[in-house]
């Protein structure tokens, strides 16, 4: 699937309009129901193919953020044979009581994987936790950057955000493609 074909399909299956409260607390008149593209096997494969091309060479482990980053990180890891970890928003209160599930991350270069970025807040929180556990975090990837300050906030924390699509690209191409 080409970049434009994937863009069109994501817009068709997941873009909805109305009044929505975002994780950041901001209100928006449009929303991407990310679970619509993350739960479709073929779309997830196509997203994984295109996003895995953006993995920095120094990446040793993919870190999928709960919950939306996990299927994307898994797909990318399978395609590139890169180990992964699953990062909880909060450590379990039972069993192993871990925040991070999967391979060892101490002294490893991690790539954070997220679905949609608005303010970058969850990536910043998770990156700080991962760094406290001994990981190096320089880059994060996402499917959609809503262009609402996340990229800039992450840059202030020493994290480069690489997106498959930006909100501007989605909107501009949607108009051009008559979606």
N, C-alpha and C. Protein backbone atom coordinates (compact mmCIF):
# COMPACT_ATOMS: atom_id res chain seq x y z
N UNK A 1 0.86 -1.18 0.00
CA UNK A 1 0.00 0.00 0.00
C UNK A 1 0.90 1.24 0.00
N UNK A 2 0.58 2.20 -0.84
CA UNK A 2 1.36 3.43 -0.89
C UNK A 2 0.99 4.35 0.27
N UNK A 3 1.82 5.35 0.46
CA UNK A 3 1.60 6.35 1.50
C UNK A 3 0.21 6.99 1.34
N UNK A 4 -0.13 7.42 0.13
CA UNK A 4 -1.42 8.07 -0.09
C UNK A 4 -2.60 7.11 0.05
N UNK A 5 -2.42 5.87 -0.36
CA UNK A 5 -3.49 4.88 -0.18
C UNK A 5 -3.74 4.63 1.31
N UNK A 6 -2.65 4.55 2.08
CA UNK A 6 -2.79 4.35 3.53
C UNK A 6 -3.44 5.57 4.18
N UNK A 7 -3.02 6.74 3.79
CA UNK A 7 -3.61 7.98 4.31
C UNK A 7 -5.12 7.98 4.06
N UNK A 8 -5.50 7.66 2.84
CA UNK A 8 -6.92 7.65 2.47
C UNK A 8 -7.69 6.63 3.32
N UNK A 9 -7.14 5.45 3.48
CA UNK A 9 -7.83 4.40 4.24
C UNK A 9 -7.95 4.79 5.71
N UNK A 10 -6.89 5.36 6.29
CA UNK A 10 -6.96 5.79 7.69
C UNK A 10 -8.02 6.87 7.86
N UNK A 11 -8.08 7.81 6.94
CA UNK A 11 -9.10 8.86 7.01
C UNK A 11 -10.50 8.24 6.92
N UNK A 12 -10.68 7.30 6.01
CA UNK A 12 -12.00 6.70 5.81
C UNK A 12 -12.47 5.91 7.03
N UNK A 13 -11.58 5.17 7.66
CA UNK A 13 -12.02 4.28 8.75
C UNK A 13 -11.97 4.91 10.13
N UNK A 14 -11.16 5.96 10.32
CA UNK A 14 -10.97 6.43 11.69
C UNK A 14 -11.25 7.90 11.95
N UNK A 15 -11.40 8.72 10.93
CA UNK A 15 -11.61 10.15 11.14
C UNK A 15 -13.10 10.42 11.36
N UNK A 16 -13.40 11.03 12.52
CA UNK A 16 -14.79 11.39 12.83
C UNK A 16 -14.85 12.83 13.30
N UNK A 17 -16.00 13.45 13.10
CA UNK A 17 -16.18 14.83 13.52
C UNK A 17 -17.24 14.90 14.61
N UNK A 18 -17.17 15.95 15.41
CA UNK A 18 -18.08 16.15 16.53
C UNK A 18 -17.38 17.00 17.57
N UNK A 19 -17.64 16.74 18.83
CA UNK A 19 -16.97 17.44 19.92
C UNK A 19 -16.30 16.39 20.81
N UNK A 20 -14.97 16.48 20.91
CA UNK A 20 -14.21 15.45 21.60
C UNK A 20 -13.21 16.07 22.57
N UNK A 21 -13.11 15.47 23.75
CA UNK A 21 -12.09 15.87 24.72
C UNK A 21 -10.88 14.97 24.49
N UNK A 22 -9.72 15.57 24.28
CA UNK A 22 -8.49 14.83 24.05
C UNK A 22 -7.81 14.50 25.37
N UNK A 23 -6.84 13.57 25.34
CA UNK A 23 -6.10 13.20 26.54
C UNK A 23 -5.47 14.41 27.20
N UNK A 24 -5.03 15.37 26.40
CA UNK A 24 -4.38 16.58 26.92
C UNK A 24 -5.37 17.48 27.65
N UNK A 25 -6.67 17.21 27.50
CA UNK A 25 -7.70 18.05 28.10
C UNK A 25 -8.29 19.04 27.11
N UNK A 26 -7.60 19.23 25.99
CA UNK A 26 -8.09 20.15 24.95
C UNK A 26 -9.32 19.55 24.28
N UNK A 27 -10.15 20.43 23.74
CA UNK A 27 -11.33 20.00 22.98
C UNK A 27 -11.00 20.08 21.49
N UNK A 28 -11.59 19.18 20.72
CA UNK A 28 -11.35 19.15 19.28
C UNK A 28 -12.66 18.84 18.56
N UNK A 29 -12.80 19.41 17.35
CA UNK A 29 -13.99 19.12 16.56
C UNK A 29 -13.78 17.93 15.62
N UNK A 30 -12.60 17.32 15.70
CA UNK A 30 -12.35 16.11 14.93
C UNK A 30 -11.50 15.16 15.75
N UNK A 31 -11.62 13.88 15.45
CA UNK A 31 -10.97 12.86 16.26
C UNK A 31 -10.59 11.70 15.36
N UNK A 32 -9.49 11.04 15.70
CA UNK A 32 -9.10 9.82 15.02
C UNK A 32 -9.33 8.66 15.97
N UNK A 33 -10.30 7.82 15.64
CA UNK A 33 -10.55 6.63 16.44
C UNK A 33 -9.49 5.61 16.05
N UNK A 34 -8.36 5.74 16.71
CA UNK A 34 -7.17 4.95 16.36
C UNK A 34 -7.41 3.45 16.41
N UNK A 35 -8.35 3.02 17.24
CA UNK A 35 -8.60 1.59 17.34
C UNK A 35 -9.21 1.03 16.06
N UNK A 36 -9.77 1.89 15.24
CA UNK A 36 -10.30 1.45 13.95
C UNK A 36 -9.17 1.06 13.00
N UNK A 37 -8.05 1.79 13.05
CA UNK A 37 -6.94 1.37 12.18
C UNK A 37 -6.00 0.38 12.88
N UNK A 38 -5.98 0.38 14.20
CA UNK A 38 -5.11 -0.55 14.91
C UNK A 38 -5.70 -1.95 15.01
N UNK A 39 -7.01 -2.08 14.87
CA UNK A 39 -7.64 -3.39 14.99
C UNK A 39 -7.87 -4.05 13.63
N UNK A 40 -7.52 -3.37 12.55
CA UNK A 40 -7.65 -3.92 11.21
C UNK A 40 -6.30 -4.54 10.82
N UNK A 41 -6.22 -5.86 10.70
CA UNK A 41 -4.93 -6.51 10.45
C UNK A 41 -4.18 -5.94 9.24
N UNK A 42 -4.86 -5.73 8.13
CA UNK A 42 -4.16 -5.26 6.94
C UNK A 42 -3.67 -3.82 7.11
N UNK A 43 -4.49 -2.97 7.71
CA UNK A 43 -4.04 -1.60 7.96
C UNK A 43 -2.86 -1.57 8.93
N UNK A 44 -2.92 -2.40 9.96
CA UNK A 44 -1.83 -2.46 10.93
C UNK A 44 -0.53 -2.92 10.26
N UNK A 45 -0.63 -3.89 9.38
CA UNK A 45 0.55 -4.34 8.63
C UNK A 45 1.09 -3.20 7.77
N UNK A 46 0.21 -2.50 7.06
CA UNK A 46 0.65 -1.39 6.21
C UNK A 46 1.28 -0.27 7.02
N UNK A 47 0.68 0.05 8.17
CA UNK A 47 1.26 1.06 9.06
C UNK A 47 2.63 0.60 9.53
N UNK A 48 2.72 -0.65 9.96
CA UNK A 48 4.00 -1.20 10.42
C UNK A 48 5.08 -1.15 9.36
N UNK A 49 4.70 -1.47 8.11
CA UNK A 49 5.67 -1.44 7.01
C UNK A 49 6.23 -0.04 6.81
N UNK A 50 5.34 0.95 6.71
CA UNK A 50 5.80 2.32 6.45
C UNK A 50 6.50 2.93 7.65
N UNK A 51 5.99 2.69 8.84
CA UNK A 51 6.60 3.27 10.04
C UNK A 51 7.94 2.60 10.36
N UNK A 52 8.09 1.32 10.07
CA UNK A 52 9.34 0.63 10.38
C UNK A 52 10.50 1.15 9.51
N UNK A 53 10.18 1.78 8.41
CA UNK A 53 11.23 2.40 7.58
C UNK A 53 11.85 3.61 8.27
N UNK A 54 11.18 4.11 9.29
CA UNK A 54 11.64 5.31 10.00
C UNK A 54 12.41 4.97 11.29
N UNK A 55 12.65 3.70 11.54
CA UNK A 55 13.36 3.29 12.75
C UNK A 55 14.83 3.71 12.63
N UNK A 56 15.32 4.50 13.59
CA UNK A 56 16.74 4.88 13.56
C UNK A 56 17.65 3.64 13.67
N UNK A 57 18.81 3.70 13.02
CA UNK A 57 19.73 2.56 12.98
C UNK A 57 20.17 2.10 14.36
N UNK A 58 20.31 3.06 15.28
CA UNK A 58 20.84 2.72 16.61
C UNK A 58 19.80 2.07 17.54
N UNK A 59 18.57 1.91 17.07
CA UNK A 59 17.50 1.34 17.90
C UNK A 59 17.79 -0.12 18.25
N UNK A 60 17.72 -0.43 19.55
CA UNK A 60 17.93 -1.79 20.03
C UNK A 60 16.64 -2.44 20.52
N UNK A 61 15.70 -1.61 20.99
CA UNK A 61 14.44 -2.11 21.52
C UNK A 61 13.33 -1.14 21.17
N UNK A 62 12.17 -1.67 20.78
CA UNK A 62 10.99 -0.85 20.54
C UNK A 62 10.16 -0.82 21.82
N UNK A 63 9.70 0.37 22.21
CA UNK A 63 8.92 0.52 23.43
C UNK A 63 7.51 0.98 23.08
N UNK A 64 6.57 0.06 23.06
CA UNK A 64 5.17 0.38 22.75
C UNK A 64 4.46 0.86 23.99
N UNK A 65 3.87 2.06 23.90
CA UNK A 65 3.16 2.64 25.04
C UNK A 65 1.74 2.09 25.11
N UNK A 66 1.32 1.79 26.35
CA UNK A 66 -0.03 1.30 26.60
C UNK A 66 -1.06 2.31 26.11
N UNK A 67 -2.04 1.94 25.48
CA UNK A 67 -2.41 0.68 24.87
C UNK A 67 -2.16 0.77 23.35
N UNK A 68 -2.32 1.97 22.80
CA UNK A 68 -2.27 2.12 21.35
C UNK A 68 -0.92 1.88 20.71
N UNK A 69 0.17 2.11 21.43
CA UNK A 69 1.49 1.90 20.85
C UNK A 69 1.90 0.44 20.80
N UNK A 70 1.22 -0.40 21.57
CA UNK A 70 1.63 -1.81 21.67
C UNK A 70 1.40 -2.59 20.36
N UNK A 71 0.23 -2.54 19.73
CA UNK A 71 0.08 -3.29 18.48
C UNK A 71 1.00 -2.77 17.37
N UNK A 72 1.26 -1.48 17.37
CA UNK A 72 2.13 -0.90 16.34
C UNK A 72 3.57 -1.34 16.57
N UNK A 73 4.04 -1.27 17.83
CA UNK A 73 5.40 -1.72 18.15
C UNK A 73 5.57 -3.20 17.85
N UNK A 74 4.55 -3.99 18.15
CA UNK A 74 4.60 -5.43 17.88
C UNK A 74 4.75 -5.69 16.39
N UNK A 75 3.96 -5.01 15.59
CA UNK A 75 4.03 -5.18 14.13
C UNK A 75 5.40 -4.77 13.61
N UNK A 76 5.89 -3.62 14.06
CA UNK A 76 7.21 -3.15 13.63
C UNK A 76 8.31 -4.12 14.07
N UNK A 77 8.22 -4.61 15.30
CA UNK A 77 9.22 -5.54 15.81
C UNK A 77 9.26 -6.83 15.02
N UNK A 78 8.09 -7.34 14.66
CA UNK A 78 8.03 -8.56 13.85
C UNK A 78 8.63 -8.34 12.47
N UNK A 79 8.37 -7.18 11.89
CA UNK A 79 8.87 -6.89 10.54
C UNK A 79 10.38 -6.68 10.51
N UNK A 80 10.94 -6.11 11.57
CA UNK A 80 12.38 -5.78 11.59
C UNK A 80 13.18 -6.67 12.53
N UNK A 81 12.51 -7.64 13.15
CA UNK A 81 13.17 -8.53 14.10
C UNK A 81 13.89 -7.76 15.21
N UNK A 82 13.18 -6.79 15.77
CA UNK A 82 13.71 -5.98 16.87
C UNK A 82 12.91 -6.33 18.12
N UNK A 83 13.59 -6.63 19.24
CA UNK A 83 12.86 -6.91 20.47
C UNK A 83 12.04 -5.71 20.92
N UNK A 84 11.04 -5.99 21.74
CA UNK A 84 10.18 -4.89 22.18
C UNK A 84 9.83 -5.03 23.65
N UNK A 85 9.37 -3.92 24.19
CA UNK A 85 8.81 -3.90 25.54
C UNK A 85 7.47 -3.20 25.46
N UNK A 86 6.64 -3.52 26.44
CA UNK A 86 5.33 -2.90 26.55
C UNK A 86 5.34 -2.05 27.81
N UNK A 87 5.06 -0.76 27.66
CA UNK A 87 5.19 0.19 28.75
C UNK A 87 3.81 0.55 29.28
N UNK A 88 3.59 0.24 30.54
CA UNK A 88 2.32 0.56 31.19
C UNK A 88 2.29 2.04 31.57
N UNK A 89 1.09 2.57 31.72
CA UNK A 89 0.94 3.94 32.23
C UNK A 89 1.24 3.98 33.72
N UNK A 90 1.01 2.85 34.37
CA UNK A 90 1.24 2.74 35.81
C UNK A 90 1.67 1.30 36.09
N UNK A 91 2.66 1.14 36.96
CA UNK A 91 3.13 -0.21 37.30
C UNK A 91 1.99 -1.03 37.88
N UNK A 92 2.01 -2.32 37.56
CA UNK A 92 1.02 -3.23 38.14
C UNK A 92 1.14 -3.22 39.65
N UNK A 93 0.04 -3.45 40.32
CA UNK A 93 0.05 -3.52 41.78
C UNK A 93 0.04 -4.97 42.26
N UNK A 94 0.27 -5.91 41.35
CA UNK A 94 0.25 -7.32 41.70
C UNK A 94 1.31 -8.04 40.88
N UNK A 95 1.52 -9.30 41.16
CA UNK A 95 2.50 -10.09 40.40
C UNK A 95 3.89 -9.49 40.49
N UNK A 96 4.48 -9.23 39.35
CA UNK A 96 5.84 -8.68 39.31
C UNK A 96 5.87 -7.18 39.57
N UNK A 97 4.73 -6.53 39.56
CA UNK A 97 4.61 -5.08 39.81
C UNK A 97 5.50 -4.26 38.88
N UNK A 98 5.57 -4.69 37.63
CA UNK A 98 6.44 -4.01 36.66
C UNK A 98 5.72 -2.89 35.91
N UNK A 99 6.49 -1.89 35.55
CA UNK A 99 6.04 -0.82 34.67
C UNK A 99 6.30 -1.21 33.22
N UNK A 100 7.40 -1.92 33.00
CA UNK A 100 7.83 -2.31 31.66
C UNK A 100 7.86 -3.83 31.56
N UNK A 101 7.15 -4.36 30.58
CA UNK A 101 7.10 -5.81 30.36
C UNK A 101 7.87 -6.14 29.09
N UNK A 102 8.70 -7.18 29.16
CA UNK A 102 9.44 -7.60 27.99
C UNK A 102 10.93 -7.69 28.27
N UNK A 103 11.73 -7.49 27.24
CA UNK A 103 13.17 -7.65 27.31
C UNK A 103 13.83 -6.61 28.23
N UNK A 104 15.06 -6.85 28.61
CA UNK A 104 15.82 -5.93 29.46
C UNK A 104 16.11 -4.64 28.69
N UNK A 105 15.96 -3.50 29.36
CA UNK A 105 16.19 -2.21 28.69
C UNK A 105 17.39 -1.44 29.23
N UNK A 106 17.99 -1.93 30.31
CA UNK A 106 19.13 -1.21 30.90
C UNK A 106 20.26 -1.10 29.88
N UNK A 107 20.74 0.13 29.71
CA UNK A 107 21.84 0.44 28.77
C UNK A 107 21.48 0.18 27.31
N UNK A 108 20.19 0.17 26.99
CA UNK A 108 19.74 -0.04 25.61
C UNK A 108 19.17 1.25 25.04
N UNK A 109 19.27 1.38 23.71
CA UNK A 109 18.71 2.53 23.00
C UNK A 109 17.30 2.15 22.56
N UNK A 110 16.31 2.82 23.15
CA UNK A 110 14.90 2.51 22.88
C UNK A 110 14.28 3.51 21.92
N UNK A 111 13.37 3.03 21.11
CA UNK A 111 12.52 3.87 20.27
C UNK A 111 11.11 3.76 20.83
N UNK A 112 10.56 4.87 21.29
CA UNK A 112 9.19 4.87 21.79
C UNK A 112 8.22 4.87 20.62
N UNK A 113 7.20 4.02 20.71
CA UNK A 113 6.19 3.89 19.65
C UNK A 113 4.83 4.27 20.25
N UNK A 114 4.18 5.23 19.61
CA UNK A 114 2.87 5.71 20.05
C UNK A 114 1.95 5.78 18.83
N UNK A 115 0.66 5.83 19.07
CA UNK A 115 -0.28 5.90 17.95
C UNK A 115 -0.53 7.35 17.53
N UNK A 116 -1.10 8.15 18.42
CA UNK A 116 -1.43 9.54 18.11
C UNK A 116 -0.78 10.43 19.17
N UNK A 117 -0.12 11.51 18.72
CA UNK A 117 0.53 12.45 19.65
C UNK A 117 -0.17 13.79 19.55
N UNK A 118 -0.56 14.33 20.70
CA UNK A 118 -1.16 15.66 20.78
C UNK A 118 -0.18 16.58 21.50
N UNK A 119 -0.10 16.47 22.80
CA UNK A 119 0.81 17.32 23.59
C UNK A 119 2.16 16.67 23.83
N UNK A 120 2.24 15.37 23.62
CA UNK A 120 3.47 14.63 23.91
C UNK A 120 3.59 14.21 25.36
N UNK A 121 2.58 14.53 26.16
CA UNK A 121 2.63 14.29 27.59
C UNK A 121 2.90 12.85 28.00
N UNK A 122 2.22 11.89 27.38
CA UNK A 122 2.43 10.50 27.77
C UNK A 122 3.82 10.02 27.38
N UNK A 123 4.31 10.45 26.22
CA UNK A 123 5.66 10.06 25.82
C UNK A 123 6.68 10.61 26.81
N UNK A 124 6.51 11.85 27.23
CA UNK A 124 7.45 12.46 28.18
C UNK A 124 7.44 11.69 29.50
N UNK A 125 6.25 11.39 30.03
CA UNK A 125 6.15 10.63 31.28
C UNK A 125 6.83 9.27 31.14
N UNK A 126 6.52 8.57 30.06
CA UNK A 126 7.09 7.23 29.85
C UNK A 126 8.59 7.29 29.62
N UNK A 127 9.05 8.27 28.86
CA UNK A 127 10.49 8.42 28.60
C UNK A 127 11.25 8.65 29.90
N UNK A 128 10.71 9.47 30.78
CA UNK A 128 11.36 9.71 32.07
C UNK A 128 11.45 8.43 32.89
N UNK A 129 10.38 7.66 32.90
CA UNK A 129 10.38 6.38 33.63
C UNK A 129 11.40 5.41 33.02
N UNK A 130 11.44 5.33 31.69
CA UNK A 130 12.37 4.43 31.01
C UNK A 130 13.82 4.86 31.24
N UNK A 131 14.06 6.15 31.21
CA UNK A 131 15.40 6.66 31.49
C UNK A 131 15.81 6.34 32.92
N UNK A 132 14.88 6.44 33.86
CA UNK A 132 15.18 6.09 35.25
C UNK A 132 15.53 4.61 35.41
N UNK A 133 15.10 3.79 34.47
CA UNK A 133 15.41 2.36 34.48
C UNK A 133 16.68 2.04 33.69
N UNK A 134 17.37 3.09 33.21
CA UNK A 134 18.65 2.90 32.54
C UNK A 134 18.63 2.91 31.03
N UNK A 135 17.49 3.18 30.42
CA UNK A 135 17.40 3.20 28.95
C UNK A 135 17.78 4.57 28.40
N UNK A 136 18.21 4.58 27.14
CA UNK A 136 18.46 5.82 26.41
C UNK A 136 17.28 6.04 25.47
N UNK A 137 16.72 7.25 25.53
CA UNK A 137 15.58 7.61 24.67
C UNK A 137 15.93 8.88 23.92
N UNK A 138 16.05 8.79 22.61
CA UNK A 138 16.32 9.96 21.77
C UNK A 138 15.23 10.22 20.74
N UNK A 139 14.41 9.20 20.48
CA UNK A 139 13.45 9.29 19.39
C UNK A 139 12.14 8.60 19.76
N UNK A 140 11.06 9.14 19.22
CA UNK A 140 9.74 8.51 19.31
C UNK A 140 9.12 8.55 17.93
N UNK A 141 8.33 7.54 17.60
CA UNK A 141 7.58 7.53 16.35
C UNK A 141 6.09 7.42 16.67
N UNK A 142 5.28 7.95 15.76
CA UNK A 142 3.83 7.85 15.92
C UNK A 142 3.19 7.75 14.54
N UNK A 143 1.96 7.31 14.53
CA UNK A 143 1.21 7.26 13.27
C UNK A 143 0.74 8.67 12.91
N UNK A 144 0.14 9.38 13.88
CA UNK A 144 -0.40 10.72 13.61
C UNK A 144 0.10 11.72 14.64
N UNK A 145 0.70 12.80 14.16
CA UNK A 145 1.05 13.95 15.00
C UNK A 145 -0.04 14.99 14.77
N UNK A 146 -0.81 15.27 15.82
CA UNK A 146 -1.91 16.24 15.70
C UNK A 146 -1.41 17.67 15.58
N UNK A 147 -0.11 17.87 15.71
CA UNK A 147 0.52 19.20 15.58
C UNK A 147 -0.06 20.20 16.58
N UNK A 148 -0.13 19.75 17.84
CA UNK A 148 -0.64 20.62 18.90
C UNK A 148 0.40 20.79 20.00
N UNK A 149 1.66 20.87 19.59
CA UNK A 149 2.74 21.16 20.53
C UNK A 149 3.53 19.95 21.00
N UNK A 150 3.12 18.76 20.63
CA UNK A 150 3.82 17.56 21.07
C UNK A 150 5.25 17.48 20.58
N UNK A 151 5.45 17.75 19.31
CA UNK A 151 6.80 17.66 18.73
C UNK A 151 7.75 18.61 19.45
N UNK A 152 7.28 19.82 19.72
CA UNK A 152 8.11 20.84 20.38
C UNK A 152 8.38 20.46 21.84
N UNK A 153 7.35 19.96 22.53
CA UNK A 153 7.52 19.55 23.93
C UNK A 153 8.52 18.40 24.04
N UNK A 154 8.45 17.48 23.10
CA UNK A 154 9.38 16.35 23.11
C UNK A 154 10.80 16.81 22.82
N UNK A 155 10.95 17.75 21.89
CA UNK A 155 12.27 18.27 21.56
C UNK A 155 12.93 18.88 22.79
N UNK A 156 12.14 19.57 23.62
CA UNK A 156 12.67 20.15 24.86
C UNK A 156 13.19 19.08 25.82
N UNK A 157 12.70 17.86 25.67
CA UNK A 157 13.13 16.73 26.51
C UNK A 157 14.21 15.89 25.83
N UNK A 158 14.72 16.38 24.68
CA UNK A 158 15.76 15.66 23.96
C UNK A 158 15.25 14.49 23.15
N UNK A 159 13.97 14.55 22.76
CA UNK A 159 13.36 13.47 21.99
C UNK A 159 12.86 14.00 20.65
N UNK A 160 13.34 13.40 19.58
CA UNK A 160 12.86 13.76 18.24
C UNK A 160 11.60 12.94 17.95
N UNK A 161 10.55 13.62 17.49
CA UNK A 161 9.32 12.93 17.10
C UNK A 161 9.30 12.76 15.59
N UNK A 162 9.12 11.52 15.16
CA UNK A 162 8.99 11.20 13.74
C UNK A 162 7.59 10.63 13.55
N UNK A 163 6.82 11.27 12.68
CA UNK A 163 5.45 10.80 12.46
C UNK A 163 5.28 10.24 11.05
N UNK A 164 4.34 9.32 10.93
CA UNK A 164 3.97 8.81 9.61
C UNK A 164 3.14 9.87 8.90
N UNK A 165 2.21 10.49 9.65
CA UNK A 165 1.36 11.55 9.11
C UNK A 165 1.26 12.67 10.12
N UNK A 166 1.13 13.90 9.62
CA UNK A 166 0.77 15.02 10.48
C UNK A 166 -0.68 15.37 10.17
N UNK A 167 -1.29 16.09 11.08
CA UNK A 167 -2.68 16.52 10.87
C UNK A 167 -2.80 17.33 9.59
N UNK A 168 -1.83 18.20 9.34
CA UNK A 168 -1.85 19.02 8.12
C UNK A 168 -1.82 18.14 6.87
N UNK A 169 -0.95 17.13 6.88
CA UNK A 169 -0.87 16.22 5.73
C UNK A 169 -2.19 15.48 5.52
N UNK A 170 -2.78 15.03 6.61
CA UNK A 170 -4.06 14.32 6.50
C UNK A 170 -5.13 15.23 5.92
N UNK A 171 -5.23 16.44 6.46
CA UNK A 171 -6.26 17.38 5.98
C UNK A 171 -6.03 17.79 4.53
N UNK A 172 -4.79 18.17 4.21
CA UNK A 172 -4.50 18.63 2.85
C UNK A 172 -4.72 17.53 1.82
N UNK A 173 -4.26 16.33 2.12
CA UNK A 173 -4.45 15.23 1.18
C UNK A 173 -5.89 14.77 1.12
N UNK A 174 -6.62 14.89 2.23
CA UNK A 174 -8.05 14.53 2.22
C UNK A 174 -8.80 15.44 1.25
N UNK A 175 -8.44 16.71 1.25
CA UNK A 175 -9.07 17.65 0.32
C UNK A 175 -8.69 17.28 -1.11
N UNK A 176 -7.39 17.05 -1.34
CA UNK A 176 -6.91 16.70 -2.68
C UNK A 176 -7.51 15.39 -3.19
N UNK A 177 -7.69 14.42 -2.27
CA UNK A 177 -8.22 13.11 -2.66
C UNK A 177 -9.74 13.05 -2.60
N UNK A 178 -10.36 14.18 -2.19
CA UNK A 178 -11.82 14.27 -2.10
C UNK A 178 -12.41 13.24 -1.14
N UNK A 179 -11.81 13.16 0.04
CA UNK A 179 -12.27 12.20 1.05
C UNK A 179 -13.30 12.89 1.93
